[in-house]
Amino acid sequence: MVKGLVIAGPTAVGKTALSIKLAKAMDAEIISADSAQVYKDLDIGTAKVTEEEMGGVIHHMLDVVEPVEKYSVGEYQRTVDELLGKLEGEGKSVVLTGGTGLYIGSVTNGLADLPESDHELRAKLMERSNESLYEELKELDPEAAEGIHPNNKRRVERALEVCLLTGKKFSVVSKENIKGNNYPFLKVALERDRGVLYERINLRVDIMMEAGLLEEVERTYKKYGENLKKVNIIGYAELIRYIDGEITLEQAVEDIKQNSRRYAKRQFTWFKNQGDYLWYNLDKMTEEEIMNDVIERVKSS
């Protein structure tokens, strides 16, 4: 039996409800793969699952760090791989669910084992001009140079740093993904007809506002100050602009809806481009039909 199941897809498509039902059917624990839900205090605007909605299913990777702390995909991968090692020892199945494709991919496919930054080397590279760095990168790794704009100094520096530290081409090393867990994953993605999805997004934003999203943003903005702006999460960024007097509340709400719709479109495109997901349309099949089909596939894998 497959021990790992992914439930992915765009925002507001219906991942949370289905993943909880599947987790109950599989006696599995849920691991969130959402780059906004790792942050504490950001609950309503990130559509974080409530304890009541969990229905007794254990959830992981929620409320991991404060929103002013940096949190990378590498940190997420290491934490989840460690968790999966523990759950494997207990014989537990898992449902990995969320809309952050990079988080999901880091667990199901692994990440490249790139070296940590070397402060001394990075300091020397930072002293050099873009042109000088780019020319050396072209000599050491033409393929990497071709894929990076010469003016993107940070990426040029990093690619060159990896070449110098490893003695290998960045273009090769960066594609050598290392999977850090023993879970085979069946990947499922959910979709809806676009008009329906956009209506759901608009309605969800209205529900969030009624549930106290503005008050949550005011509270967290007061707690964390200007640093909260760096997080730049949809729902919070727009309402901070309202609080700062830059736009009206009506405009902020409209911007949240529009930015959420655009984000959903990007998510849909990203998951479609992966090519290894089984797709189910919730406007053409019921949750029960999807569940039955997924569970049959899990059993036969």
Protein backbone atom coordinates (compact mmCIF):
# COMPACT_ATOMS: atom_id res chain seq x y z
CA MET A 1 0.00 0.00 0.00
CA VAL A 2 1.26 3.48 -0.88
CA LYS A 3 2.24 5.24 2.34
CA GLY A 4 2.19 8.77 0.96
CA LEU A 5 -0.60 10.66 -0.78
CA VAL A 6 -0.38 14.21 -2.14
CA ILE A 7 -3.50 16.37 -2.45
CA ALA A 8 -2.52 19.51 -4.35
CA GLY A 9 -4.17 22.22 -6.41
CA PRO A 10 -5.00 25.93 -6.47
CA THR A 11 -6.27 27.95 -3.54
CA ALA A 12 -9.95 27.52 -2.57
CA VAL A 13 -10.38 24.42 -4.74
CA GLY A 14 -11.36 22.17 -1.80
CA LYS A 15 -8.09 20.50 -0.70
CA THR A 16 -8.65 20.79 3.05
CA ALA A 17 -12.00 19.03 3.26
CA LEU A 18 -11.02 16.18 0.93
CA SER A 19 -7.61 15.63 2.54
CA ILE A 20 -9.19 15.26 5.99
CA LYS A 21 -11.73 12.72 4.69
CA LEU A 22 -8.98 10.76 2.92
CA ALA A 23 -6.74 10.88 5.99
CA LYS A 24 -9.55 9.41 8.08
CA ALA A 25 -10.16 6.67 5.49
CA MET A 26 -6.44 5.82 5.38
CA ASP A 27 -5.81 6.28 9.12
CA ALA A 28 -3.18 8.81 8.07
CA GLU A 29 -1.70 12.00 9.50
CA ILE A 30 -1.71 15.22 7.49
CA ILE A 31 1.36 17.31 6.65
CA SER A 32 0.64 20.82 5.43
CA ALA A 33 2.53 22.00 2.35
CA ASP A 34 1.59 25.66 2.48
CA SER A 35 4.28 28.33 2.69
CA ALA A 36 1.89 30.78 4.42
CA GLN A 37 0.48 28.39 6.99
CA VAL A 38 3.90 27.74 8.53
CA TYR A 39 3.58 31.20 10.12
CA LYS A 40 2.11 31.69 13.57
CA ASP A 41 -0.67 34.27 14.09
CA LEU A 42 -1.66 34.28 10.41
CA ASP A 43 -4.76 32.13 10.59
CA ILE A 44 -7.83 33.58 8.89
CA GLY A 45 -6.00 35.03 5.87
CA THR A 46 -4.12 31.79 5.16
CA ALA A 47 -7.28 29.67 5.51
CA LYS A 48 -5.52 27.64 8.18
CA VAL A 49 -7.51 24.57 9.16
CA THR A 50 -9.27 24.93 12.50
CA GLU A 51 -9.21 22.33 15.26
CA GLU A 52 -12.90 21.65 14.64
CA GLU A 53 -12.29 21.10 10.92
CA MET A 54 -9.41 18.70 11.70
CA GLY A 55 -11.93 16.26 13.15
CA GLY A 56 -9.30 14.58 15.27
CA VAL A 57 -6.81 14.09 12.40
CA ILE A 58 -3.26 15.02 13.44
CA HIS A 59 -1.83 17.91 11.40
CA HIS A 60 1.83 18.86 11.07
CA MET A 61 3.76 21.91 9.76
CA LEU A 62 1.31 24.56 10.93
CA ASP A 63 2.49 27.49 13.11
CA VAL A 64 6.17 26.62 12.75
CA VAL A 65 7.78 30.09 12.87
CA GLU A 66 6.85 33.70 13.52
CA PRO A 67 6.02 35.66 10.35
CA VAL A 68 9.09 37.89 10.64
CA GLU A 69 11.43 34.88 10.57
CA LYS A 70 12.86 33.58 7.31
CA TYR A 71 11.80 30.08 6.39
CA SER A 72 13.20 28.33 3.34
CA VAL A 73 12.09 25.36 1.29
CA GLY A 74 15.27 23.61 2.47
CA GLU A 75 14.25 24.03 6.10
CA TYR A 76 10.79 22.74 5.28
CA GLN A 77 12.23 19.68 3.53
CA ARG A 78 14.60 18.81 6.37
CA THR A 79 11.86 19.12 8.99
CA VAL A 80 9.34 17.05 7.01
CA ASP A 81 11.89 14.36 6.12
CA GLU A 82 12.74 14.02 9.81
CA LEU A 83 9.03 13.79 10.62
CA LEU A 84 8.50 11.17 7.91
CA GLY A 85 11.32 9.09 9.36
CA LYS A 86 9.51 9.09 12.70
CA LEU A 87 6.12 8.30 11.15
CA GLU A 88 7.61 5.51 9.03
CA GLY A 89 8.87 3.90 12.21
CA GLU A 90 5.32 4.02 13.55
CA GLY A 91 3.94 2.52 10.32
CA LYS A 92 1.84 5.64 9.62
CA SER A 93 0.50 6.72 6.25
CA VAL A 94 0.60 10.44 5.43
CA VAL A 95 -1.39 12.91 3.36
CA LEU A 96 0.77 15.80 2.16
CA THR A 97 -1.55 18.62 1.19
CA GLY A 98 -1.27 22.25 0.13
CA GLY A 99 -0.74 24.60 -2.75
CA THR A 100 2.98 25.32 -2.48
CA GLY A 101 4.48 23.24 -5.26
CA LEU A 102 8.09 23.76 -4.21
CA TYR A 103 7.32 22.44 -0.72
CA ILE A 104 5.63 19.35 -2.14
CA GLY A 105 8.39 18.73 -4.67
CA SER A 106 11.10 19.01 -2.02
CA VAL A 107 9.51 16.09 -0.16
CA THR A 108 8.34 13.90 -3.04
CA ASN A 109 11.31 14.44 -5.37
CA GLY A 110 13.99 15.86 -3.08
CA LEU A 111 16.21 18.91 -3.40
CA ALA A 112 19.68 19.43 -4.80
CA ASP A 113 22.38 19.09 -2.16
CA LEU A 114 23.95 22.51 -2.69
CA PRO A 115 26.70 23.72 -0.36
CA GLU A 116 26.03 26.38 2.27
CA SER A 117 27.24 29.86 1.40
CA ASP A 118 30.88 30.50 2.19
CA HIS A 119 31.01 33.96 3.77
CA GLU A 120 34.63 34.62 2.82
CA LEU A 121 34.16 33.59 -0.80
CA ARG A 122 30.82 35.40 -1.07
CA ALA A 123 32.44 38.62 0.24
CA LYS A 124 35.09 38.41 -2.48
CA LEU A 125 32.47 37.77 -5.16
CA MET A 126 30.36 40.70 -3.98
CA GLU A 127 33.31 43.05 -4.50
CA ARG A 128 33.46 42.17 -8.20
CA SER A 129 31.41 43.65 -11.03
CA ASN A 130 28.47 41.90 -12.69
CA GLU A 131 30.41 41.65 -15.92
CA SER A 132 33.44 40.00 -14.29
CA LEU A 133 31.30 37.46 -12.43
CA TYR A 134 29.20 36.64 -15.47
CA GLU A 135 32.26 36.12 -17.69
CA GLU A 136 33.76 33.66 -15.21
CA LEU A 137 30.45 31.83 -14.92
CA LYS A 138 30.30 31.55 -18.73
CA GLU A 139 33.75 29.94 -18.70
CA LEU A 140 32.98 27.50 -15.87
CA ASP A 141 29.35 26.72 -16.69
CA PRO A 142 27.98 28.05 -20.02
CA GLU A 143 24.63 26.32 -19.52
CA ALA A 144 24.04 28.01 -16.15
CA ALA A 145 25.09 31.38 -17.55
CA GLU A 146 22.64 31.01 -20.42
CA GLY A 147 19.76 30.58 -17.98
CA ILE A 148 20.61 33.56 -15.76
CA HIS A 149 20.28 37.21 -16.73
CA PRO A 150 23.69 38.97 -16.49
CA ASN A 151 22.16 41.71 -14.32
CA ASN A 152 20.81 39.25 -11.75
CA LYS A 153 23.92 39.54 -9.60
CA ARG A 154 22.64 37.49 -6.70
CA ARG A 155 21.90 34.44 -8.87
CA VAL A 156 25.16 34.84 -10.80
CA GLU A 157 27.08 35.02 -7.52
CA ARG A 158 25.36 31.91 -6.15
CA ALA A 159 25.89 29.87 -9.33
CA LEU A 160 29.56 30.85 -9.45
CA GLU A 161 29.97 30.17 -5.72
CA VAL A 162 28.61 26.62 -6.15
CA CYS A 163 30.95 26.02 -9.10
CA LEU A 164 33.96 27.18 -7.08
CA LEU A 165 33.04 25.31 -3.89
CA THR A 166 32.15 21.98 -5.53
CA GLY A 167 34.37 21.96 -8.57
CA LYS A 168 31.27 20.95 -10.52
CA LYS A 169 28.88 22.79 -12.82
CA PHE A 170 26.00 24.53 -11.05
CA SER A 171 23.71 23.53 -13.94
CA VAL A 172 24.44 19.86 -13.15
CA VAL A 173 24.56 19.95 -9.34
CA SER A 174 21.32 21.95 -9.08
CA LYS A 175 19.42 19.20 -10.90
CA GLU A 176 20.76 16.30 -8.83
CA ASN A 177 17.83 16.05 -6.43
CA ILE A 178 18.26 13.92 -3.33
CA LYS A 179 15.09 12.51 -1.76
CA GLY A 180 15.37 12.35 2.01
CA ASN A 181 12.56 9.94 2.91
CA ASN A 182 11.31 6.43 2.09
CA TYR A 183 7.71 7.33 1.29
CA PRO A 184 6.44 6.60 -2.23
CA PHE A 185 3.84 9.25 -3.10
CA LEU A 186 0.71 9.03 -5.22
CA LYS A 187 0.16 12.59 -6.47
CA VAL A 188 -3.37 13.90 -6.83
CA ALA A 189 -4.37 17.41 -7.90
CA LEU A 190 -7.81 18.98 -7.69
CA GLU A 191 -9.37 21.45 -10.08
CA ARG A 192 -12.68 23.16 -10.79
CA ASP A 193 -14.07 25.01 -13.77
CA ARG A 194 -12.38 28.40 -13.75
CA GLY A 195 -15.54 30.48 -13.29
CA VAL A 196 -16.60 28.34 -10.33
CA LEU A 197 -13.14 28.52 -8.73
CA TYR A 198 -13.05 32.30 -9.05
CA GLU A 199 -16.50 32.56 -7.47
CA ARG A 200 -15.31 30.39 -4.59
CA ILE A 201 -12.25 32.60 -4.14
CA ASN A 202 -14.35 35.79 -4.06
CA LEU A 203 -16.80 34.24 -1.59
CA ARG A 204 -13.98 32.98 0.63
CA VAL A 205 -12.48 36.46 0.86
CA ASP A 206 -15.88 37.84 1.92
CA ILE A 207 -16.17 35.08 4.55
CA MET A 208 -12.64 35.84 5.80
CA MET A 209 -13.53 39.51 6.22
CA GLU A 210 -16.67 38.57 8.14
CA ALA A 211 -14.60 36.20 10.30
CA GLY A 212 -12.32 39.05 11.40
CA LEU A 213 -9.46 39.15 8.89
CA LEU A 214 -9.04 42.92 9.23
CA GLU A 215 -8.80 42.61 13.01
CA GLU A 216 -6.25 39.80 12.63
CA VAL A 217 -4.11 41.94 10.32
CA GLU A 218 -4.36 44.95 12.67
CA ARG A 219 -3.31 42.75 15.59
CA THR A 220 -0.36 41.12 13.83
CA TYR A 221 0.76 44.43 12.26
CA LYS A 222 0.80 46.00 15.72
CA LYS A 223 2.72 43.01 17.09
CA TYR A 224 5.38 42.69 14.37
CA GLY A 225 5.47 46.21 12.92
CA GLU A 226 6.97 47.08 9.54
CA ASN A 227 8.70 43.68 9.34
CA LEU A 228 5.33 42.07 8.61
CA LYS A 229 5.36 43.76 5.19
CA LYS A 230 8.31 41.60 4.13
CA VAL A 231 6.19 38.46 4.34
CA ASN A 232 3.99 39.79 1.52
CA ILE A 233 1.17 37.26 1.91
CA ILE A 234 -2.07 37.87 0.02
CA GLY A 235 -4.70 39.24 2.38
CA TYR A 236 -2.20 40.77 4.74
CA ALA A 237 -0.28 42.92 2.24
CA GLU A 238 -3.44 44.55 0.89
CA LEU A 239 -4.99 45.24 4.30
CA ILE A 240 -1.72 46.70 5.59
CA ARG A 241 -1.95 49.19 2.71
CA TYR A 242 -5.45 50.06 3.92
CA ILE A 243 -4.27 50.43 7.53
CA ASP A 244 -1.46 52.70 6.32
CA GLY A 245 -4.04 54.88 4.56
CA GLU A 246 -2.82 54.10 1.03
CA ILE A 247 -6.09 52.59 -0.27
CA THR A 248 -9.72 52.25 0.83
CA LEU A 249 -11.01 49.11 2.55
CA GLU A 250 -13.19 48.39 -0.49
CA GLN A 251 -10.13 48.56 -2.76
CA ALA A 252 -8.12 46.36 -0.40
CA VAL A 253 -10.79 43.65 -0.46
CA GLU A 254 -11.05 43.85 -4.26
CA ASP A 255 -7.24 43.58 -4.51
CA ILE A 256 -7.24 40.50 -2.27
CA LYS A 257 -9.78 38.82 -4.54
CA GLN A 258 -7.90 39.72 -7.71
CA ASN A 259 -4.49 38.71 -6.35
CA SER A 260 -5.95 35.43 -5.05
CA ARG A 261 -7.42 34.65 -8.48
CA ARG A 262 -4.08 35.38 -10.14
CA TYR A 263 -2.29 33.21 -7.60
CA ALA A 264 -4.72 30.34 -8.23
CA LYS A 265 -4.01 30.60 -11.96
CA ARG A 266 -0.24 30.41 -11.34
CA GLN A 267 -0.69 27.41 -9.04
CA PHE A 268 -2.84 25.60 -11.60
CA THR A 269 -0.24 26.19 -14.32
CA TRP A 270 2.61 25.03 -12.07
CA PHE A 271 0.96 21.74 -11.11
CA LYS A 272 -0.19 21.06 -14.70
CA ASN A 273 3.38 21.51 -15.89
CA GLN A 274 4.67 18.84 -13.49
CA GLY A 275 3.10 16.10 -15.56
CA ASP A 276 2.96 13.47 -12.78
CA TYR A 277 -0.33 14.36 -11.09
CA LEU A 278 -3.69 12.58 -11.35
CA TRP A 279 -6.28 15.32 -11.88
CA TYR A 280 -9.84 15.32 -10.53
CA ASN A 281 -12.41 18.01 -11.29
CA LEU A 282 -14.68 18.67 -8.29
CA ASP A 283 -17.32 20.14 -10.60
CA LYS A 284 -17.56 16.90 -12.56
CA MET A 285 -17.13 14.33 -9.78
CA THR A 286 -18.37 14.24 -6.20
CA GLU A 287 -15.97 14.11 -3.26
CA GLU A 288 -17.15 10.56 -2.60
CA GLU A 289 -16.41 9.46 -6.18
CA ILE A 290 -12.94 11.01 -6.04
CA MET A 291 -12.26 9.45 -2.63
CA ASN A 292 -13.26 5.99 -3.78
CA ASP A 293 -11.09 6.22 -6.89
CA VAL A 294 -8.07 7.56 -4.98
CA ILE A 295 -8.33 4.92 -2.27
CA GLU A 296 -8.56 2.16 -4.88
CA ARG A 297 -5.41 3.53 -6.52
CA VAL A 298 -3.67 3.71 -3.15
CA LYS A 299 -4.56 0.09 -2.40
CA SER A 300 -3.42 -1.17 -5.80
CA SER A 301 -0.11 0.72 -5.79
